[in-house]
Amino acid sequence: MIPDLGKYADAVLGSYAASFGLIVALVVWSLWRGARVRRTLAEVEARAAKAAEGKRNV
């Protein structure tokens, strides 16, 4: 059931749309950032493993 918003309908619906858009943008940014951090961490761990292996062979 949709409430009657009267003359404020445009403002209220626009606010809902803007809020929804910002939430979606935040979730997308968070997922993108998480993937980037995960990739960077894997690179750092690989370098650390190589360095540790090099020290063992010496």
C-alpha atoms as a PDB file:
ATOM      1  CA  MET A   1       0.000   0.000   0.000  1.00  0.00           C
ATOM      2  CA  ILE A   2       1.473   3.326  -1.085  1.00  0.00           C
ATOM      3  CA  PRO A   3       0.818   6.324   1.176  1.00  0.00           C
ATOM      4  CA  ASP A   4      -0.522   9.539  -0.341  1.00  0.00           C
ATOM      5  CA  LEU A   5       2.410  11.937  -0.308  1.00  0.00           C
ATOM      6  CA  GLY A   6       0.585  14.856  -1.851  1.00  0.00           C
ATOM      7  CA  LYS A   7       2.701  17.751  -3.043  1.00  0.00           C
ATOM      8  CA  TYR A   8       5.828  16.240  -1.467  1.00  0.00           C
ATOM      9  CA  ALA A   9       5.717  13.069  -3.562  1.00  0.00           C
ATOM     10  CA  ASP A  10       8.522  14.175  -5.892  1.00  0.00           C
ATOM     11  CA  ALA A  11      10.818  15.173  -3.025  1.00  0.00           C
ATOM     12  CA  VAL A  12      10.153  12.015  -1.013  1.00  0.00           C
ATOM     13  CA  LEU A  13      10.518   9.639  -3.952  1.00  0.00           C
ATOM     14  CA  GLY A  14      13.621  11.505  -5.119  1.00  0.00           C
ATOM     15  CA  SER A  15      15.119  11.153  -1.653  1.00  0.00           C
ATOM     16  CA  TYR A  16      14.367   7.434  -1.633  1.00  0.00           C
ATOM     17  CA  ALA A  17      15.962   7.062  -5.072  1.00  0.00           C
ATOM     18  CA  ALA A  18      19.050   9.028  -4.023  1.00  0.00           C
ATOM     19  CA  SER A  19      19.412   6.994  -0.827  1.00  0.00           C
ATOM     20  CA  PHE A  20      19.036   3.723  -2.703  1.00  0.00           C
ATOM     21  CA  GLY A  21      21.583   4.863  -5.295  1.00  0.00           C
ATOM     22  CA  LEU A  22      24.092   5.832  -2.610  1.00  0.00           C
ATOM     23  CA  ILE A  23      23.656   2.509  -0.804  1.00  0.00           C
ATOM     24  CA  VAL A  24      24.207   0.588  -4.047  1.00  0.00           C
ATOM     25  CA  ALA A  25      27.281   2.714  -4.824  1.00  0.00           C
ATOM     26  CA  LEU A  26      28.675   2.070  -1.337  1.00  0.00           C
ATOM     27  CA  VAL A  27      28.192  -1.694  -1.662  1.00  0.00           C
ATOM     28  CA  VAL A  28      29.815  -1.755  -5.117  1.00  0.00           C
ATOM     29  CA  TRP A  29      32.736   0.369  -3.895  1.00  0.00           C
ATOM     30  CA  SER A  30      33.157  -1.878  -0.853  1.00  0.00           C
ATOM     31  CA  LEU A  31      33.245  -5.045  -2.976  1.00  0.00           C
ATOM     32  CA  TRP A  32      35.697  -3.452  -5.433  1.00  0.00           C
ATOM     33  CA  ARG A  33      37.954  -2.266  -2.616  1.00  0.00           C
ATOM     34  CA  GLY A  34      37.845  -5.683  -0.934  1.00  0.00           C
ATOM     35  CA  ALA A  35      38.908  -7.396  -4.150  1.00  0.00           C
ATOM     36  CA  ARG A  36      41.749  -4.910  -4.588  1.00  0.00           C
ATOM     37  CA  VAL A  37      42.970  -5.405  -1.020  1.00  0.00           C
ATOM     38  CA  ARG A  38      42.723  -9.192  -1.371  1.00  0.00           C
ATOM     39  CA  ARG A  39      44.811  -9.049  -4.560  1.00  0.00           C
ATOM     40  CA  THR A  40      47.423  -6.803  -2.913  1.00  0.00           C
ATOM     41  CA  LEU A  41      47.607  -9.068   0.130  1.00  0.00           C
ATOM     42  CA  ALA A  42      48.170 -12.109  -2.078  1.00  0.00           C
ATOM     43  CA  GLU A  43      51.044 -10.307  -3.823  1.00  0.00           C
ATOM     44  CA  VAL A  44      52.644  -9.312  -0.511  1.00  0.00           C
ATOM     45  CA  GLU A  45      52.283 -12.833   0.886  1.00  0.00           C
ATOM     46  CA  ALA A  46      53.843 -14.293  -2.265  1.00  0.00           C
ATOM     47  CA  ARG A  47      56.812 -11.932  -1.941  1.00  0.00           C
ATOM     48  CA  ALA A  48      57.187 -12.798   1.742  1.00  0.00           C
ATOM     49  CA  ALA A  49      57.070 -16.531   0.970  1.00  0.00           C
ATOM     50  CA  LYS A  50      59.749 -16.099  -1.704  1.00  0.00           C
ATOM     51  CA  ALA A  51      61.943 -14.144   0.693  1.00  0.00           C
ATOM     52  CA  ALA A  52      61.497 -16.762   3.427  1.00  0.00           C
ATOM     53  CA  GLU A  53      62.323 -19.548   0.995  1.00  0.00           C
ATOM     54  CA  GLY A  54      65.434 -17.697  -0.155  1.00  0.00           C
ATOM     55  CA  LYS A  55      66.669 -17.384   3.430  1.00  0.00           C
ATOM     56  CA  ARG A  56      66.151 -21.111   4.056  1.00  0.00           C
ATOM     57  CA  ASN A  57      68.301 -22.057   1.062  1.00  0.00           C
ATOM     58  CA  VAL A  58      71.243 -19.920   2.165  1.00  0.00           C
END
